[in-house]
Amino acid sequence: MKPEHAERTARWLALGAGALDFGTGLGLVLRPALVLRLMGAGAVAGEALVYLRWVGAFVGAVGCSYLWAWLRRDRHLLRAALELTIGFRLAAGGYSAWAIATGGLPPVWLSVPLVDFALAGGQAWLLRQWPGSRQTP
């Protein structure tokens, strides 16, 4: 892939991932029952609802980091956002995959690690294609 194409693709990825995370996070904070229903997950109440909204705030902030880089049209900021969010994606995907595998979360949550791992892999691949990145011939 040509470096210019990689950067253009990274911009689209930032817009898509940012919108997905920001929208999900905002939904988990403002309308958690609706978001859980759309995900096919059961409703929560009490203290669990407080934690769910807190997670929503974090997910929304991750989405904001992508969108901020996309809106600023700054290639260095975009690269930094893609580099930093790989770790967030791997942590969220790894934990949710483990929780599903051990019965802590029902299988309906499988979309979370699948999306997180796919985005982490896509971001890592795009960063290797980025202009100025060190690649072995």
Protein backbone atom coordinates (compact mmCIF):
# COMPACT_ATOMS: atom_id res chain seq x y z
CA MET A 1 0.00 0.00 0.00
CA LYS A 2 1.30 3.44 -0.87
CA PRO A 3 2.00 5.61 2.19
CA GLU A 4 -0.49 8.28 1.05
CA HIS A 5 -3.20 5.65 0.72
CA ALA A 6 -2.37 4.31 4.20
CA GLU A 7 -2.80 7.77 5.69
CA ARG A 8 -6.10 8.31 3.85
CA THR A 9 -7.34 4.91 5.04
CA ALA A 10 -6.24 5.77 8.58
CA ARG A 11 -8.36 8.93 8.43
CA TRP A 12 -11.44 6.89 7.48
CA LEU A 13 -10.67 4.36 10.20
CA ALA A 14 -10.40 7.20 12.74
CA LEU A 15 -13.75 8.60 11.65
CA GLY A 16 -15.47 5.19 11.80
CA ALA A 17 -13.91 4.00 15.05
CA GLY A 18 -14.34 7.41 16.62
CA ALA A 19 -18.00 7.64 15.71
CA LEU A 20 -18.61 4.06 16.89
CA ASP A 21 -16.90 4.54 20.25
CA PHE A 22 -18.18 8.05 20.89
CA GLY A 23 -21.74 7.06 20.03
CA THR A 24 -21.59 3.88 22.12
CA GLY A 25 -20.02 5.70 25.05
CA LEU A 26 -22.53 8.52 24.93
CA GLY A 27 -25.33 5.98 24.69
CA LEU A 28 -24.02 4.03 27.68
CA VAL A 29 -23.95 7.22 29.73
CA LEU A 30 -27.30 8.70 28.64
CA ARG A 31 -29.41 5.71 27.55
CA PRO A 32 -27.74 2.53 28.86
CA ALA A 33 -30.89 0.38 28.72
CA LEU A 34 -31.38 1.21 25.03
CA VAL A 35 -27.75 0.48 24.13
CA LEU A 36 -27.78 -2.82 25.99
CA ARG A 37 -31.03 -3.80 24.29
CA LEU A 38 -29.53 -2.95 20.86
CA MET A 39 -26.52 -5.10 21.73
CA GLY A 40 -28.81 -7.96 22.76
CA ALA A 41 -27.56 -7.80 26.34
CA GLY A 42 -29.61 -7.82 29.52
CA ALA A 43 -30.44 -4.69 31.47
CA VAL A 44 -28.55 -3.71 34.60
CA ALA A 45 -29.56 -1.67 37.63
CA GLY A 46 -28.19 -0.22 40.83
CA GLU A 47 -24.46 -0.08 41.30
CA ALA A 48 -23.87 -1.98 38.04
CA LEU A 49 -25.56 0.89 36.19
CA VAL A 50 -23.13 3.37 37.73
CA TYR A 51 -20.17 1.27 36.56
CA LEU A 52 -21.68 0.80 33.11
CA ARG A 53 -22.03 4.57 32.73
CA TRP A 54 -18.45 5.01 33.92
CA VAL A 55 -17.28 2.54 31.26
CA GLY A 56 -19.39 4.50 28.77
CA ALA A 57 -17.55 7.70 29.68
CA PHE A 58 -14.23 5.96 29.01
CA VAL A 59 -15.41 4.44 25.71
CA GLY A 60 -16.69 7.86 24.64
CA ALA A 61 -13.34 9.45 25.50
CA VAL A 62 -11.50 6.89 23.38
CA GLY A 63 -13.86 7.74 20.53
CA CYS A 64 -13.16 11.42 21.10
CA SER A 65 -9.42 10.82 20.68
CA TYR A 66 -10.00 9.38 17.22
CA LEU A 67 -12.44 12.14 16.27
CA TRP A 68 -10.19 14.90 17.58
CA ALA A 69 -7.34 13.68 15.38
CA TRP A 70 -9.69 13.33 12.42
CA LEU A 71 -11.17 16.81 12.86
CA ARG A 72 -7.78 18.48 13.28
CA ARG A 73 -6.51 16.89 10.04
CA ASP A 74 -3.09 16.65 11.65
CA ARG A 75 -1.19 13.60 10.44
CA HIS A 76 1.01 13.50 13.56
CA LEU A 77 -1.98 13.68 15.88
CA LEU A 78 -3.72 10.99 13.83
CA ARG A 79 -0.70 8.70 14.06
CA ALA A 80 -0.46 9.26 17.82
CA ALA A 81 -4.17 8.50 18.28
CA LEU A 82 -3.83 5.27 16.30
CA GLU A 83 -0.73 4.23 18.25
CA LEU A 84 -2.22 4.95 21.67
CA THR A 85 -5.61 3.39 21.08
CA ILE A 86 -4.08 0.06 20.04
CA GLY A 87 -3.28 -0.54 23.71
CA PHE A 88 -6.78 0.43 24.79
CA ARG A 89 -8.27 -1.89 22.18
CA LEU A 90 -6.08 -4.83 23.19
CA ALA A 91 -6.89 -4.32 26.87
CA ALA A 92 -10.65 -4.06 26.33
CA GLY A 93 -10.69 -6.89 23.80
CA GLY A 94 -8.50 -9.13 25.94
CA TYR A 95 -10.53 -8.63 29.09
CA SER A 96 -13.89 -9.05 27.40
CA ALA A 97 -12.69 -12.18 25.56
CA TRP A 98 -11.48 -13.64 28.86
CA ALA A 99 -14.74 -12.70 30.59
CA ILE A 100 -16.75 -14.41 27.85
CA ALA A 101 -14.53 -17.51 27.90
CA THR A 102 -14.84 -17.87 31.68
CA GLY A 103 -18.58 -17.19 31.82
CA GLY A 104 -18.36 -13.71 33.33
CA LEU A 105 -20.06 -12.21 30.27
CA PRO A 106 -22.60 -13.94 28.04
CA PRO A 107 -21.63 -14.78 24.43
CA VAL A 108 -23.74 -11.86 23.16
CA TRP A 109 -20.76 -9.65 24.14
CA LEU A 110 -18.52 -11.37 21.57
CA SER A 111 -18.83 -8.37 19.24
CA VAL A 112 -16.74 -6.31 21.69
CA PRO A 113 -13.49 -8.32 21.48
CA LEU A 114 -14.01 -8.99 17.77
CA VAL A 115 -14.28 -5.27 16.97
CA ASP A 116 -11.46 -4.32 19.36
CA PHE A 117 -9.05 -6.94 18.01
CA ALA A 118 -9.94 -6.14 14.38
CA LEU A 119 -9.36 -2.42 14.92
CA ALA A 120 -6.11 -2.99 16.84
CA GLY A 121 -4.83 -5.21 14.02
CA GLY A 122 -5.96 -2.79 11.33
CA GLN A 123 -4.37 0.14 13.09
CA ALA A 124 -1.08 -1.70 13.59
CA TRP A 125 -1.03 -2.70 9.93
CA LEU A 126 -1.79 0.87 8.79
CA LEU A 127 0.92 2.30 11.02
CA ARG A 128 3.47 -0.02 9.39
CA GLN A 129 2.44 1.39 6.01
CA TRP A 130 2.68 4.99 7.25
CA PRO A 131 5.10 7.40 5.58
CA GLY A 132 8.41 7.37 7.45
CA SER A 133 7.75 4.17 9.40
CA ARG A 134 10.66 1.77 9.59
CA GLN A 135 10.03 -1.34 7.54
CA THR A 136 12.30 -4.21 6.76
CA PRO A 137 12.75 -4.82 3.03
